[in-house]
Each structure stands twice: as structure tokens, then as C-alpha cells.
Amino acid sequence: MPHALPAMVTGTHAHANARHQRAHPLFHFLADNREELIARCRAKVALRARDGAEHQTSNGIPLFLDQLTRTLAAEDAGETGESLSISGASGGDSQALSEMGISAAAHGKALLEVGYSVDQVVHDYGDLCQAITDLAFEREAPFGVDEFRTLNRCLDNAIADAVSSFAAQKEVTVASESSARENQRLGFLIHEFRNHVQVATLAYIALESGKLGMGGSTSAVLKRSLAAMSALLKQSLAEVRLSADIPTRDSFSVAAFVADAQVTAALYAGTSGCTLRVPFVDPLLGVVGNRLLLAAALTNLLQNAFKFTHPCSQITLTARAADDRVLIEVQDNCGGLPTGAAERLFKPFSQSGKNRSGLGLGLSIARQSVEADGGTLCVTDLPGTGCVFTISLPRQPLI
């Protein structure tokens, strides 16, 4: 993009000042006024200030200014090859990036990383061009046509390389974010299906033994697991068709909700050698939410508890009122969390224990499900003993 040629360079003024320009070429002017030019650019950036502005004026522009000064010095000394090596040929006619091109590309990438738009990349170099021409006019230090052409070439090449890098990195970032979202969505589906299949399998094994009747609670667990898998399929198909159903939110009894979870957890207790304790739950406690997703979240907490707790120990499931909230807590005996693990537990694909049979998505999914209904999910470490996972939901009177 061509830059306006300062009036001081045109006509007889350029000829009359030729001797002055040779004695004081532009590269000397830039070197002598480096800090002033950077300060002016910094002031212009401040008008558009946001996070990362300091990086712009402490890296990109000062480095470009130094390279421009060296380019002009090389040309003044007749070292054309050195000049092109530093700043590149006019129009960017080169297979390899120049020194200036490499740093400009890095500058464009850096601005993307701190959240700037492509316009900001162009503004940065435009600020410097304006600062140079304004200061040269104020100091009565005109420069020649050839020097201006070099300045224009350097600006054009730097802007082109910075913008190209910005655009290329933007494409990579968008593709990476899209891939991450797809992986997490697929991971959610796999995780939830696996959990329901495990529960259904345990229930089937228990029923197959012949010791339990088909009309009992274990049969109900099997039925709920199959219904949950069917719902997941329906939801997935709806998302593919871009017409997903609005999640169903109902008012329900916390006591009944915990009782259902207790039956499911009992199947895990039977295979792990651990015991499950469920204290009395007030039958008047109620909440509003997507019961299917909240049940999946609680089941995941119970599965983790039996997975990581010490053998032959006890898991406790409690539900109680705390002012205008209902707290549903799962306490295990895992021995406590490693240092810093509490902060990482809820991150997608994070696994802190030695057992890596899962995807590391369970707690992340559980927290999303709870938060979707205005709740919170957190963990409290009990060093040397275990930890307590707490689901907190708004209390809702039962009608």
C-alpha cells in the first residue's frame, strides 16, 4: 500500500537540499530520534489501548525501526545486497523472508495472540510512517526521494508479511478451536454412553443371576440406563439436524433423586468391595432442573468415588438444605488430592489419578450439566482422608 510522499521531498526543495540530505541522511535522522519516534507511536497506540499495547511498542515497532535504519545505512553505503537481505525486495519478490519479514510475521502473530484485529497490524506501521514524516517536518530535516522509496518499500513489505502471518495464524487458531470443540462434544457423547452401558451391564448381570426379580429396583436401573442412552441418541441426531430440543427442566424431589442414585451406586459398591452410606434425606426438599443431566452428573461423581477410594472403605452420599440451596455431596476415602489437583480436576481431558481408563471428561461434563441449571460443582480436599464433591442447586419448594 503506497504511502503519501511528504511535500518536503518534491520539486526544487529536494534539489536545493541535496547537499544537506547527503550530509544528514534519513538513517542518521532515525537513529538520532529513535526514542522520540517510539514515544509518538506509543501515544498513538494508547488511543486504541487494550491488553498487549505495551508489547506492540516494546517489540514490533522498535525492531522495525532498527531494521529500517540499517537498511538505509546499507543503501547509503552502496550495499544493495545487504539492504535487500534486511528488508526484502520491492513488492516482496523473494522466495525467502527477509530479516524484517521474519520479525514482521512474528509481530502479526503476536498481535493475534493478544486479541487484536488485522486493522491493528496495519495501524502500527502507519503510526510509524506518520511519526517519521511529522517529526522530519518539525525538525526541518527533509529526506530524498530515494530514501522515501526505501521507507515505503520497507513499510509495504513489513505490512504484507505481518498481515499474511496474522491471517495464516488466524486460520490455524480457528481450525484448532473448532477441532477442540468437536473433540469435546464427541468425548461427551462417548463418556455418557460408556457410563450408561456400564450401569446397564451391571444391572443385567445382577438380574441374570436369578436372585432379583424383574420388577425390582435393579430392573428400574436397567430401564433408566437404556432410556438415557436413547435420549443421548435423540439429542445427538437433533444436533446433527441443527434442531436440538430445548432441555427439559422439571421440579423434582431430592429424596427420590438420591434414592435413584443410591440404587445405581449400589451396583458399583457390589463390585468394588466398598460400602455406600446414604443418610436420611428430607422428603420436602426439591430442585428444578434437567433431571437426566443432573442424574448423569451425580452418577459420575459416585463412579469416580468407587474408582479412586481405598479398597473396603466407605462412600457417603448426602443431601441437605443450606439456606436457599440444596447441597448434594459425595465423600470418598481416596486419601486426599495431590497438590494442585483440585484446580485441574474439572478441566477437559484432565486425569490426576493412576487409573487412566477414562477420557478425563467426566468432571468437566458434570460441572457443565450442573451449571446449566444454575448450580455449582466444587471439590473440597480432606488431606490424608479423601475429598468431598458438592453439587449446589437452588432450592425449590415441591408443589
Protein backbone atom coordinates (compact mmCIF):
# COMPACT_ATOMS: atom_id res chain seq x y z
CA MET A 1 0.00 0.00 0.00
CA PRO A 2 1.70 3.26 -1.14
CA HIS A 3 2.26 5.99 1.44
CA ALA A 4 1.86 9.71 0.71
CA LEU A 5 5.08 11.38 -0.33
CA PRO A 6 5.85 14.32 2.03
CA ALA A 7 5.67 17.70 0.34
CA MET A 8 9.20 18.48 1.55
CA VAL A 9 10.61 15.89 -0.87
CA THR A 10 9.16 17.30 -4.07
CA GLY A 11 10.31 19.77 -6.74
CA THR A 12 13.16 22.21 -6.20
CA HIS A 13 13.14 21.62 -2.43
CA ALA A 14 14.63 18.17 -2.96
CA HIS A 15 17.29 19.58 -5.31
CA ALA A 16 18.11 22.58 -3.09
CA ASN A 17 18.55 20.39 -0.03
CA ALA A 18 20.51 17.63 -1.77
CA ARG A 19 23.78 18.57 -0.11
CA HIS A 20 22.08 18.78 3.33
CA GLN A 21 20.47 15.36 2.79
CA ARG A 22 23.77 13.73 1.90
CA ALA A 23 25.36 15.17 5.00
CA HIS A 24 22.45 14.15 7.19
CA PRO A 25 20.74 11.16 5.52
CA LEU A 26 17.49 9.68 6.82
CA PHE A 27 19.20 6.81 8.64
CA HIS A 28 21.01 9.35 10.87
CA PHE A 29 17.71 11.14 11.47
CA LEU A 30 16.06 7.87 12.52
CA ALA A 31 18.94 6.88 14.80
CA ASP A 32 19.09 10.31 16.44
CA ASN A 33 15.33 10.45 17.02
CA ARG A 34 14.62 6.80 17.76
CA GLU A 35 13.17 7.30 21.25
CA GLU A 36 11.03 10.24 20.15
CA LEU A 37 9.56 8.25 17.26
CA ILE A 38 8.81 5.27 19.54
CA ALA A 39 7.19 7.62 22.07
CA ARG A 40 4.94 9.07 19.36
CA CYS A 41 3.92 5.59 18.24
CA ARG A 42 3.26 4.63 21.84
CA ALA A 43 1.00 7.66 22.24
CA LYS A 44 -0.98 6.69 19.13
CA VAL A 45 -1.31 3.10 20.34
CA ALA A 46 -2.53 4.39 23.72
CA LEU A 47 -5.51 5.98 21.96
CA ARG A 48 -6.51 2.48 20.90
CA ALA A 49 -5.20 0.98 24.17
CA ARG A 50 -6.07 -2.53 25.28
CA ASP A 51 -4.18 -5.52 26.67
CA GLY A 52 -0.98 -6.15 24.74
CA ALA A 53 -0.35 -2.48 23.78
CA GLU A 54 2.94 -2.50 25.64
CA HIS A 55 4.09 -5.49 23.59
CA GLN A 56 3.43 -3.57 20.37
CA THR A 57 5.61 -0.61 21.26
CA SER A 58 8.34 -2.57 23.00
CA ASN A 59 8.92 -5.19 20.30
CA GLY A 60 7.35 -4.78 16.86
CA ILE A 61 7.85 -1.09 16.09
CA PRO A 62 11.29 -0.58 17.72
CA LEU A 63 12.63 -3.65 15.92
CA PHE A 64 11.23 -2.45 12.59
CA LEU A 65 12.73 1.00 13.18
CA ASP A 66 16.16 -0.51 13.81
CA GLN A 67 15.93 -2.64 10.66
CA LEU A 68 14.80 0.36 8.61
CA THR A 69 17.77 2.37 9.88
CA ARG A 70 20.18 -0.43 8.94
CA THR A 71 18.55 -0.77 5.51
CA LEU A 72 19.03 2.94 4.80
CA ALA A 73 22.61 2.84 6.05
CA ALA A 74 23.38 -0.13 3.74
CA GLU A 75 21.89 1.69 0.76
CA ASP A 76 23.77 4.88 1.60
CA ALA A 77 26.96 2.79 1.57
CA GLY A 78 26.01 1.21 -1.76
CA GLU A 79 25.49 -2.26 -0.21
CA THR A 80 22.35 -3.21 -2.11
CA GLY A 81 22.58 -6.92 -1.29
CA GLU A 82 22.76 -6.19 2.44
CA SER A 83 19.79 -3.84 2.16
CA LEU A 84 17.64 -6.48 0.46
CA SER A 85 18.74 -9.12 2.98
CA ILE A 86 17.48 -6.93 5.80
CA SER A 87 14.22 -5.64 4.33
CA GLY A 88 13.47 -7.55 1.12
CA ALA A 89 12.88 -6.50 -2.45
CA SER A 90 10.13 -4.17 -3.63
CA GLY A 91 6.81 -5.97 -3.90
CA GLY A 92 8.12 -8.86 -1.81
CA ASP A 93 9.60 -10.53 -4.88
CA SER A 94 11.57 -13.15 -2.98
CA GLN A 95 11.11 -16.82 -2.11
CA ALA A 96 12.59 -16.36 1.36
CA LEU A 97 11.51 -13.87 4.00
CA SER A 98 13.92 -11.07 4.79
CA GLU A 99 15.06 -10.31 8.32
CA MET A 100 12.37 -7.64 8.50
CA GLY A 101 9.80 -10.03 7.06
CA ILE A 102 10.50 -12.64 9.73
CA SER A 103 10.13 -10.16 12.58
CA ALA A 104 7.04 -8.57 10.99
CA ALA A 105 5.45 -12.01 10.68
CA ALA A 106 6.19 -12.66 14.35
CA HIS A 107 4.66 -9.28 15.21
CA GLY A 108 1.47 -10.08 13.31
CA LYS A 109 1.19 -13.42 15.09
CA ALA A 110 1.80 -11.77 18.48
CA LEU A 111 -0.99 -9.24 17.92
CA LEU A 112 -3.41 -12.05 17.10
CA GLU A 113 -2.46 -13.84 20.32
CA VAL A 114 -3.37 -10.80 22.44
CA GLY A 115 -6.69 -10.37 20.63
CA TYR A 116 -6.08 -7.61 18.09
CA SER A 117 -7.70 -7.37 14.67
CA VAL A 118 -5.86 -7.24 11.35
CA ASP A 119 -6.58 -3.49 11.23
CA GLN A 120 -4.34 -3.02 14.26
CA VAL A 121 -1.44 -4.66 12.40
CA VAL A 122 -1.71 -2.06 9.64
CA HIS A 123 -2.20 0.79 12.11
CA ASP A 124 1.09 0.00 13.86
CA TYR A 125 3.20 0.61 10.76
CA GLY A 126 1.04 3.54 9.67
CA ASP A 127 1.70 5.17 13.06
CA LEU A 128 5.45 4.97 12.48
CA CYS A 129 5.22 6.39 8.95
CA GLN A 130 3.18 9.31 10.25
CA ALA A 131 5.57 9.86 13.15
CA ILE A 132 8.59 9.94 10.82
CA THR A 133 7.08 12.41 8.35
CA ASP A 134 5.68 14.69 11.10
CA LEU A 135 8.94 14.82 13.04
CA ALA A 136 11.01 15.37 9.89
CA PHE A 137 8.83 18.34 9.01
CA GLU A 138 9.04 19.75 12.54
CA ARG A 139 12.85 19.41 12.66
CA GLU A 140 13.23 20.74 9.12
CA ALA A 141 15.04 17.57 8.19
CA PRO A 142 13.68 16.65 4.74
CA PHE A 143 14.78 13.46 3.07
CA GLY A 144 15.26 12.49 -0.54
CA VAL A 145 13.02 10.65 -2.95
CA ASP A 146 15.20 7.52 -2.90
CA GLU A 147 15.11 7.40 0.87
CA PHE A 148 11.35 7.77 0.89
CA ARG A 149 11.08 4.97 -1.66
CA THR A 150 13.10 2.76 0.69
CA LEU A 151 10.86 3.72 3.61
CA ASN A 152 7.78 2.93 1.52
CA ARG A 153 9.23 -0.42 0.39
CA CYS A 154 10.07 -1.42 3.96
CA LEU A 155 6.61 -0.46 5.21
CA ASP A 156 4.84 -2.30 2.39
CA ASN A 157 6.89 -5.46 2.88
CA ALA A 158 6.52 -5.41 6.66
CA ILE A 159 2.75 -4.86 6.49
CA ALA A 160 2.34 -7.60 3.87
CA ASP A 161 4.34 -10.13 5.91
CA ALA A 162 2.66 -9.18 9.20
CA VAL A 163 -0.83 -9.38 7.71
CA SER A 164 -0.07 -12.69 5.95
CA SER A 165 1.21 -14.20 9.20
CA PHE A 166 -1.80 -12.83 11.09
CA ALA A 167 -4.22 -14.37 8.58
CA ALA A 168 -2.41 -17.71 8.45
CA GLN A 169 -2.27 -17.96 12.24
CA LYS A 170 -5.92 -16.94 12.46
CA GLU A 171 -6.88 -19.85 10.21
CA VAL A 172 -4.83 -22.24 12.33
CA THR A 173 -6.40 -20.90 15.54
CA VAL A 174 -9.95 -21.15 14.22
CA ALA A 175 -9.34 -24.68 12.93
CA SER A 176 -7.76 -25.71 16.24
CA GLU A 177 -10.64 -24.27 18.30
CA SER A 178 -13.18 -25.97 16.04
CA SER A 179 -11.35 -29.29 16.36
CA ALA A 180 -11.18 -28.92 20.15
CA ARG A 181 -14.93 -28.27 20.35
CA GLU A 182 -15.67 -31.28 18.17
CA ASN A 183 -13.36 -33.49 20.26
CA GLN A 184 -15.04 -32.36 23.46
CA ARG A 185 -18.51 -32.89 22.00
CA LEU A 186 -17.58 -36.37 20.82
CA GLY A 187 -15.88 -37.07 24.14
CA PHE A 188 -19.06 -36.08 25.97
CA LEU A 189 -21.13 -38.49 23.91
CA ILE A 190 -18.67 -41.36 24.36
CA HIS A 191 -18.29 -40.71 28.08
CA GLU A 192 -22.01 -40.62 28.78
CA PHE A 193 -22.71 -43.67 26.65
CA ARG A 194 -19.95 -45.63 28.36
CA ASN A 195 -21.30 -44.76 31.81
CA HIS A 196 -24.84 -45.84 30.92
CA VAL A 197 -23.58 -49.03 29.28
CA GLN A 198 -21.59 -49.87 32.42
CA VAL A 199 -24.62 -49.33 34.64
CA ALA A 200 -26.87 -51.33 32.30
CA THR A 201 -24.31 -54.17 32.18
CA LEU A 202 -24.04 -54.34 35.98
CA ALA A 203 -27.82 -54.33 36.31
CA TYR A 204 -28.15 -57.09 33.69
CA ILE A 205 -25.53 -59.24 35.42
CA ALA A 206 -27.38 -58.83 38.71
CA LEU A 207 -30.68 -59.77 37.11
CA GLU A 208 -29.12 -62.68 35.21
CA SER A 209 -28.07 -64.27 38.49
CA GLY A 210 -31.74 -65.02 39.12
CA LYS A 211 -31.64 -63.63 42.65
CA LEU A 212 -33.51 -60.44 41.74
CA GLY A 213 -36.95 -60.02 40.25
CA MET A 214 -37.65 -58.11 37.05
CA GLY A 215 -39.99 -55.73 38.85
CA GLY A 216 -37.47 -54.52 41.42
CA SER A 217 -35.15 -51.53 41.72
CA THR A 218 -32.33 -53.17 39.75
CA SER A 219 -34.68 -53.68 36.83
CA ALA A 220 -35.60 -49.97 37.10
CA VAL A 221 -31.90 -49.06 36.90
CA LEU A 222 -31.55 -51.06 33.69
CA LYS A 223 -34.63 -49.37 32.26
CA ARG A 224 -33.35 -45.88 33.14
CA SER A 225 -29.94 -46.59 31.60
CA LEU A 226 -31.49 -47.74 28.34
CA ALA A 227 -33.76 -44.68 28.34
CA ALA A 228 -30.78 -42.40 28.94
CA MET A 229 -28.89 -43.92 26.00
CA SER A 230 -31.95 -43.44 23.81
CA ALA A 231 -32.17 -39.79 24.91
CA LEU A 232 -28.50 -39.25 24.11
CA LEU A 233 -29.01 -40.64 20.62
CA LYS A 234 -32.04 -38.43 20.09
CA GLN A 235 -30.14 -35.36 21.26
CA SER A 236 -27.18 -36.18 19.02
CA LEU A 237 -29.39 -36.66 15.98
CA ALA A 238 -31.14 -33.38 16.73
CA GLU A 239 -27.79 -31.55 16.88
CA VAL A 240 -26.79 -33.04 13.53
CA ARG A 241 -30.04 -31.72 12.08
CA LEU A 242 -29.37 -28.32 13.74
CA SER A 243 -32.69 -28.56 15.58
CA ALA A 244 -31.84 -29.82 19.04
CA ASP A 245 -34.71 -29.94 21.53
CA ILE A 246 -34.73 -27.47 24.42
CA PRO A 247 -33.57 -29.38 27.55
CA THR A 248 -36.45 -30.39 29.80
CA ARG A 249 -36.43 -28.74 33.25
CA ASP A 250 -38.80 -30.08 35.88
CA SER A 251 -39.34 -29.74 39.61
CA PHE A 252 -38.47 -32.97 41.40
CA SER A 253 -37.90 -34.44 44.84
CA VAL A 254 -34.29 -34.53 46.01
CA ALA A 255 -35.05 -37.57 48.19
CA ALA A 256 -36.32 -39.55 45.17
CA PHE A 257 -33.41 -38.30 43.09
CA VAL A 258 -30.90 -39.52 45.69
CA ALA A 259 -32.76 -42.82 46.07
CA ASP A 260 -32.39 -43.49 42.33
CA ALA A 261 -28.69 -42.66 42.52
CA GLN A 262 -28.33 -44.94 45.55
CA VAL A 263 -29.66 -47.94 43.62
CA THR A 264 -27.21 -47.29 40.78
CA ALA A 265 -24.31 -46.75 43.18
CA ALA A 266 -25.13 -49.98 44.99
CA LEU A 267 -24.18 -51.86 41.83
CA TYR A 268 -20.72 -50.26 41.92
CA ALA A 269 -20.43 -50.98 45.63
CA GLY A 270 -21.12 -54.63 44.98
CA THR A 271 -18.22 -54.91 42.50
CA SER A 272 -15.68 -52.76 44.38
CA GLY A 273 -15.92 -54.23 47.88
CA CYS A 274 -16.72 -50.78 49.30
CA THR A 275 -19.85 -49.76 51.16
CA LEU A 276 -22.26 -46.93 50.46
CA ARG A 277 -23.84 -44.86 53.24
CA VAL A 278 -26.84 -42.64 52.49
CA PRO A 279 -28.24 -40.71 55.47
CA PHE A 280 -31.90 -39.69 55.63
CA VAL A 281 -32.96 -37.02 53.11
CA ASP A 282 -35.78 -34.57 53.89
CA PRO A 283 -38.68 -35.59 51.61
CA LEU A 284 -39.75 -31.93 51.30
CA LEU A 285 -36.51 -30.85 49.59
CA GLY A 286 -36.94 -30.02 45.91
CA VAL A 287 -34.99 -28.57 43.00
CA VAL A 288 -35.72 -27.60 39.38
CA GLY A 289 -33.54 -28.79 36.55
CA ASN A 290 -32.82 -31.25 33.79
CA ARG A 291 -33.11 -34.39 35.86
CA LEU A 292 -31.46 -36.59 33.24
CA LEU A 293 -28.29 -34.47 33.05
CA LEU A 294 -28.14 -33.89 36.81
CA ALA A 295 -28.51 -37.63 37.40
CA ALA A 296 -25.65 -38.27 34.98
CA ALA A 297 -23.53 -35.72 36.88
CA LEU A 298 -24.23 -37.35 40.26
CA THR A 299 -23.65 -40.82 38.83
CA ASN A 300 -20.28 -39.68 37.52
CA LEU A 301 -19.29 -38.43 40.99
CA LEU A 302 -20.28 -41.75 42.52
CA GLN A 303 -18.43 -43.73 39.84
CA ASN A 304 -15.29 -41.70 40.49
CA ALA A 305 -15.66 -42.22 44.23
CA PHE A 306 -15.76 -46.01 43.87
CA LYS A 307 -12.99 -45.88 41.26
CA PHE A 308 -10.47 -43.95 43.38
CA THR A 309 -11.42 -44.69 47.01
CA HIS A 310 -9.30 -47.11 49.05
CA PRO A 311 -10.44 -50.77 48.93
CA CYS A 312 -13.01 -51.83 51.52
CA SER A 313 -13.68 -48.24 52.57
CA GLN A 314 -16.90 -46.25 52.62
CA ILE A 315 -18.55 -43.76 50.24
CA THR A 316 -21.08 -41.34 51.68
CA LEU A 317 -23.90 -39.71 49.70
CA THR A 318 -25.77 -36.93 51.48
CA ALA A 319 -28.35 -34.30 50.56
CA ARG A 320 -29.31 -31.40 52.81
CA ALA A 321 -30.66 -27.86 52.77
CA ALA A 322 -28.36 -24.87 53.33
CA ASP A 323 -30.43 -21.67 53.37
CA ASP A 324 -31.84 -21.28 49.83
CA ARG A 325 -29.63 -24.02 48.37
CA VAL A 326 -29.68 -27.80 48.26
CA LEU A 327 -26.28 -29.46 48.72
CA ILE A 328 -25.74 -32.96 47.36
CA GLU A 329 -22.36 -34.31 48.49
CA VAL A 330 -20.28 -37.37 47.66
CA GLN A 331 -17.44 -38.08 50.08
CA ASP A 332 -14.81 -40.73 49.35
CA ASN A 333 -11.74 -42.18 51.05
CA CYS A 334 -9.14 -41.72 48.33
CA GLY A 335 -6.51 -40.41 50.75
CA GLY A 336 -6.72 -36.80 49.56
CA LEU A 337 -5.76 -34.99 46.36
CA PRO A 338 -2.24 -34.33 45.04
CA THR A 339 -1.03 -30.75 45.37
CA GLY A 340 -2.71 -28.54 42.79
CA ALA A 341 -5.01 -31.31 41.56
CA ALA A 342 -8.22 -29.60 42.71
CA GLU A 343 -7.71 -26.81 40.16
CA ARG A 344 -7.13 -29.26 37.31
CA LEU A 345 -9.85 -31.81 38.03
CA PHE A 346 -12.60 -30.01 36.12
CA LYS A 347 -10.55 -29.25 33.00
CA PRO A 348 -11.46 -31.35 29.93
CA PHE A 349 -9.22 -34.38 29.32
CA SER A 350 -7.54 -33.91 32.72
CA GLN A 351 -6.67 -37.03 34.71
CA SER A 352 -4.94 -36.85 38.10
CA GLY A 353 -5.01 -40.44 39.33
CA LYS A 354 -3.07 -43.50 38.22
CA ASN A 355 -6.20 -45.04 36.71
CA ARG A 356 -6.34 -43.61 33.17
CA SER A 357 -9.08 -45.88 31.81
CA GLY A 358 -11.38 -42.90 31.23
CA LEU A 359 -11.21 -39.85 28.99
CA GLY A 360 -10.77 -37.26 31.71
CA LEU A 361 -14.07 -35.62 30.70
CA GLY A 362 -16.43 -36.78 33.45
CA LEU A 363 -15.99 -33.94 35.92
CA SER A 364 -15.92 -31.33 33.17
CA ILE A 365 -19.20 -32.65 31.78
CA ALA A 366 -20.72 -32.92 35.26
CA ARG A 367 -19.86 -29.30 36.06
CA GLN A 368 -21.36 -28.09 32.75
CA SER A 369 -24.57 -30.01 33.46
CA VAL A 370 -24.88 -28.61 36.98
CA GLU A 371 -24.07 -25.03 35.93
CA ALA A 372 -26.68 -25.23 33.15
CA ASP A 373 -29.31 -25.40 35.90
CA GLY A 374 -27.91 -22.51 37.93
CA GLY A 375 -25.86 -24.71 40.20
CA THR A 376 -22.21 -25.18 41.08
CA LEU A 377 -19.94 -28.19 41.41
CA CYS A 378 -16.81 -27.98 43.52
CA VAL A 379 -14.43 -30.21 45.44
CA THR A 380 -13.07 -29.95 48.98
CA ASP A 381 -9.83 -31.77 49.75
CA LEU A 382 -9.56 -33.67 53.04
CA PRO A 383 -5.77 -34.31 53.24
CA GLY A 384 -4.95 -37.82 54.32
CA THR A 385 -8.61 -38.87 54.18
CA GLY A 386 -10.32 -38.16 50.89
CA CYS A 387 -12.36 -35.44 49.24
CA VAL A 388 -15.93 -34.18 49.04
CA PHE A 389 -17.61 -33.26 45.77
CA THR A 390 -20.53 -30.88 46.32
CA ILE A 391 -23.38 -30.12 43.92
CA SER A 392 -25.15 -26.93 44.98
CA LEU A 393 -28.54 -26.16 43.40
CA PRO A 394 -31.21 -23.51 44.06
CA ARG A 395 -33.81 -24.85 46.49
CA GLN A 396 -37.30 -25.19 45.05
CA PRO A 397 -40.45 -25.91 47.13
CA LEU A 398 -42.26 -29.03 45.99
CA ILE A 399 -45.77 -28.43 44.70
